Amino acid sequence: MTETRWWWIRHAPVIQSENRIYGQTDLPADCSNAALFAALAETLPRDAVLVTSDLQRAIQTAAAIAGAGLALPKSILEPALREQHLGDWQGELRLEFAAKRGRDIRRFWLAPAGERAPNGESFADLVARVIPTVERLTRAHAGKDIVCVAHGGTIKAALAHALSLDYERALSISIANCSVTRLDHMLHEDPASAWRVAMVNWSPHL
């Protein structure tokens, strides 16, 4: 059996002066929490493949982990692992957006999974974009550890795929900044395969 371990890390908190919807807006990350990054560097595997979204907040987070002592190779930049493109909603104040849309306590995201943002994507579109890249990288690096720094929506898409979740259920999963989610791909000789969930939204104790 070949076991490929994905160590997903959500990027550090974005830096913005107001609480606006950002989606794929390329904002920088606050990587000032040295103790947190030291704990991540201690937790994550050595000799791993490094993959990141090509947005700067993911790249900066990976660099902060490496700077805290984890030797990482040059990153494989994957635009397909970006956050959901929220189109015309990007830049809107979250409170104003919520007031316009109305509140639904059952919903944990800006819109239903199948609703496409104007000039943007739905969460279902995000899943369709992310999963072929996850499958390709799993084949290319079979049997290895893959450290992937990406986004909350991207990680939820990977969980939806691994667990065959309804997309609305996947959106209810909490993924905190700098948390670790590990998904293991198990490939047998048959060649049957399956995903195993080792941890979700785990944060190192500081």
Protein backbone atom coordinates (compact mmCIF):
# COMPACT_ATOMS: atom_id res chain seq x y z
CA MET A 1 0.00 0.00 0.00
CA THR A 2 1.18 3.52 -0.85
CA GLU A 3 0.33 6.23 1.68
CA THR A 4 0.55 9.88 0.67
CA ARG A 5 0.04 12.38 3.50
CA TRP A 6 -1.32 15.87 2.83
CA TRP A 7 -0.59 18.39 5.59
CA TRP A 8 -2.89 21.31 4.82
CA ILE A 9 -2.22 24.63 6.57
CA ARG A 10 -4.48 27.63 6.24
CA HIS A 11 -2.53 30.86 5.76
CA ALA A 12 -1.89 33.33 8.58
CA PRO A 13 -4.49 36.11 9.14
CA VAL A 14 -4.68 38.68 6.37
CA ILE A 15 -3.71 42.27 7.02
CA GLN A 16 -6.51 44.72 6.25
CA SER A 17 -7.75 47.86 7.98
CA GLU A 18 -11.44 46.96 7.63
CA ASN A 19 -13.38 43.69 7.77
CA ARG A 20 -13.96 43.30 4.04
CA ILE A 21 -14.62 40.25 1.90
CA TYR A 22 -11.35 39.40 0.19
CA GLY A 23 -11.65 36.07 -1.63
CA GLN A 24 -8.84 36.08 -4.19
CA THR A 25 -7.75 39.65 -3.42
CA ASP A 26 -3.99 39.32 -2.95
CA LEU A 27 -3.58 40.65 0.59
CA PRO A 28 -0.48 40.13 2.79
CA ALA A 29 -0.50 37.97 5.93
CA ASP A 30 0.41 38.77 9.52
CA CYS A 31 3.22 36.31 10.27
CA SER A 32 4.39 37.97 13.50
CA ASN A 33 3.45 35.14 15.89
CA ALA A 34 6.89 33.58 16.27
CA ALA A 35 5.80 31.02 18.88
CA LEU A 36 3.02 29.72 16.63
CA PHE A 37 5.33 29.30 13.65
CA ALA A 38 7.95 27.59 15.81
CA ALA A 39 5.28 25.11 16.94
CA LEU A 40 4.22 24.48 13.34
CA ALA A 41 7.84 23.97 12.29
CA GLU A 42 8.22 21.42 15.08
CA THR A 43 5.00 19.60 14.11
CA LEU A 44 5.25 19.36 10.33
CA PRO A 45 7.28 16.60 8.65
CA ARG A 46 10.82 16.93 7.40
CA ASP A 47 11.67 16.03 3.79
CA ALA A 48 8.22 17.04 2.58
CA VAL A 49 7.12 18.38 -0.78
CA LEU A 50 5.96 22.01 -0.43
CA VAL A 51 2.93 23.25 -2.34
CA THR A 52 1.30 26.65 -1.95
CA SER A 53 -1.38 28.75 -3.52
CA ASP A 54 0.22 31.51 -5.56
CA LEU A 55 -1.41 34.24 -3.43
CA GLN A 56 1.08 36.11 -1.25
CA ARG A 57 -0.56 35.24 2.08
CA ALA A 58 0.06 31.54 1.45
CA ILE A 59 3.62 32.12 0.22
CA GLN A 60 4.42 34.32 3.24
CA THR A 61 3.00 31.75 5.66
CA ALA A 62 5.16 29.00 4.15
CA ALA A 63 8.20 31.26 4.38
CA ALA A 64 7.44 31.95 8.07
CA ILE A 65 7.27 28.22 8.81
CA ALA A 66 10.60 27.70 7.06
CA GLY A 67 12.06 30.68 8.90
CA ALA A 68 11.03 29.08 12.21
CA GLY A 69 13.27 26.10 11.54
CA LEU A 70 11.56 23.67 9.16
CA ALA A 71 13.72 22.93 6.13
CA LEU A 72 11.41 23.15 3.12
CA PRO A 73 12.20 22.88 -0.59
CA LYS A 74 11.25 25.50 -3.17
CA SER A 75 7.49 25.73 -3.31
CA ILE A 76 5.36 24.38 -6.13
CA LEU A 77 3.01 27.30 -6.81
CA GLU A 78 -0.48 26.20 -7.79
CA PRO A 79 -2.95 28.92 -8.90
CA ALA A 80 -5.70 26.26 -8.84
CA LEU A 81 -5.41 26.15 -5.04
CA ARG A 82 -6.44 29.78 -4.59
CA GLU A 83 -9.38 30.76 -2.42
CA GLN A 84 -12.84 30.98 -3.97
CA HIS A 85 -13.13 33.90 -6.40
CA LEU A 86 -15.88 36.02 -4.89
CA GLY A 87 -16.20 38.31 -7.89
CA ASP A 88 -18.11 41.53 -7.30
CA TRP A 89 -18.45 40.74 -3.59
CA GLN A 90 -14.71 41.20 -3.07
CA GLY A 91 -14.03 44.47 -1.28
CA GLU A 92 -17.50 44.77 0.28
CA LEU A 93 -17.72 45.27 4.03
CA ARG A 94 -18.88 42.02 5.59
CA LEU A 95 -21.47 43.69 7.83
CA GLU A 96 -22.99 45.57 4.89
CA PHE A 97 -23.03 42.42 2.78
CA ALA A 98 -24.75 40.48 5.57
CA ALA A 99 -27.33 43.23 6.04
CA LYS A 100 -28.20 43.16 2.34
CA ARG A 101 -28.38 39.40 2.12
CA GLY A 102 -30.18 38.66 5.36
CA ARG A 103 -29.00 36.26 8.04
CA ASP A 104 -29.41 32.49 7.82
CA ILE A 105 -28.06 30.79 10.96
CA ARG A 106 -27.79 27.48 9.09
CA ARG A 107 -25.31 28.96 6.67
CA PHE A 108 -21.62 29.26 7.53
CA TRP A 109 -20.48 30.96 4.34
CA LEU A 110 -21.40 33.98 2.28
CA ALA A 111 -23.78 32.07 0.01
CA PRO A 112 -25.11 28.58 -0.67
CA ALA A 113 -22.52 26.20 -2.09
CA GLY A 114 -24.09 26.29 -5.55
CA GLU A 115 -24.51 30.07 -5.82
CA ARG A 116 -21.94 31.74 -8.03
CA ALA A 117 -20.75 35.19 -7.00
CA PRO A 118 -21.33 37.76 -9.77
CA ASN A 119 -18.26 37.59 -12.02
CA GLY A 120 -16.82 34.97 -9.68
CA GLU A 121 -17.23 31.37 -8.51
CA SER A 122 -19.47 29.23 -6.36
CA PHE A 123 -18.03 26.87 -3.74
CA ALA A 124 -18.97 24.03 -6.11
CA ASP A 125 -16.81 25.71 -8.77
CA LEU A 126 -13.97 25.88 -6.27
CA VAL A 127 -14.20 22.14 -5.58
CA ALA A 128 -14.17 21.40 -9.32
CA ARG A 129 -11.02 23.54 -9.68
CA VAL A 130 -9.14 22.23 -6.64
CA ILE A 131 -9.66 18.46 -6.77
CA PRO A 132 -8.01 17.69 -10.14
CA THR A 133 -4.87 19.43 -8.85
CA VAL A 134 -4.97 17.48 -5.57
CA GLU A 135 -5.31 14.22 -7.51
CA ARG A 136 -2.50 15.14 -9.90
CA LEU A 137 -0.11 16.06 -7.10
CA THR A 138 -1.04 12.92 -5.15
CA ARG A 139 -0.04 10.80 -8.15
CA ALA A 140 3.12 12.81 -8.81
CA HIS A 141 4.34 12.58 -5.19
CA ALA A 142 2.91 9.23 -4.16
CA GLY A 143 4.25 7.93 -0.87
CA LYS A 144 5.50 11.31 0.31
CA ASP A 145 4.46 13.99 2.77
CA ILE A 146 2.98 17.07 1.07
CA VAL A 147 2.87 20.28 3.09
CA CYS A 148 0.32 22.53 1.40
CA VAL A 149 -0.30 26.12 2.50
CA ALA A 150 -3.59 27.31 1.08
CA HIS A 151 -6.95 28.77 2.10
CA GLY A 152 -10.00 27.92 4.17
CA GLY A 153 -12.19 27.27 1.13
CA THR A 154 -9.52 25.18 -0.55
CA ILE A 155 -9.12 22.97 2.54
CA LYS A 156 -12.88 22.55 2.85
CA ALA A 157 -12.95 21.47 -0.81
CA ALA A 158 -10.30 18.82 -0.06
CA LEU A 159 -12.33 17.60 2.92
CA ALA A 160 -15.52 17.46 0.84
CA HIS A 161 -13.70 15.27 -1.66
CA ALA A 162 -12.04 13.03 0.93
CA LEU A 163 -15.25 12.41 2.87
CA SER A 164 -17.72 12.58 -0.05
CA LEU A 165 -19.50 15.37 1.81
CA ASP A 166 -22.45 17.36 0.64
CA TYR A 167 -20.95 20.76 -0.18
CA GLU A 168 -23.15 22.62 2.31
CA ARG A 169 -21.93 20.25 5.04
CA ALA A 170 -18.34 20.91 4.00
CA LEU A 171 -18.88 24.65 4.41
CA SER A 172 -19.85 24.10 8.06
CA ILE A 173 -16.33 22.87 8.92
CA SER A 174 -14.23 25.46 10.77
CA ILE A 175 -10.69 25.99 9.43
CA ALA A 176 -8.73 28.48 11.54
CA ASN A 177 -5.75 30.50 10.36
CA CYS A 178 -2.51 28.50 10.72
CA SER A 179 -4.42 25.33 11.67
CA VAL A 180 -3.35 21.91 10.35
CA THR A 181 -5.63 19.45 8.55
CA ARG A 182 -4.13 16.12 7.50
CA LEU A 183 -5.62 13.89 4.83
CA ASP A 184 -3.93 10.60 3.94
CA HIS A 185 -4.41 9.01 0.53
CA MET A 186 -4.21 5.20 0.72
CA LEU A 187 -3.52 3.40 -2.56
CA HIS A 188 -3.69 -0.41 -2.70
CA GLU A 189 -2.37 -2.71 -5.40
CA ASP A 190 -5.90 -3.54 -6.68
CA PRO A 191 -5.73 -0.43 -7.34
CA ALA A 192 -8.45 0.61 -4.89
CA SER A 193 -7.87 3.86 -3.03
CA ALA A 194 -9.40 5.80 -0.17
CA TRP A 195 -8.82 8.89 1.93
CA ARG A 196 -8.23 8.78 5.67
CA VAL A 197 -8.77 11.85 7.85
CA ALA A 198 -6.06 12.14 10.51
CA MET A 199 -6.84 15.60 11.90
CA VAL A 200 -8.95 18.65 11.07
CA ASN A 201 -8.43 22.26 12.18
CA TRP A 202 -5.71 21.33 14.67
CA SER A 203 -3.68 24.17 16.17
CA PRO A 204 -0.42 23.60 18.04
CA HIS A 205 -0.53 24.29 21.77
CA LEU A 206 1.61 27.30 22.56
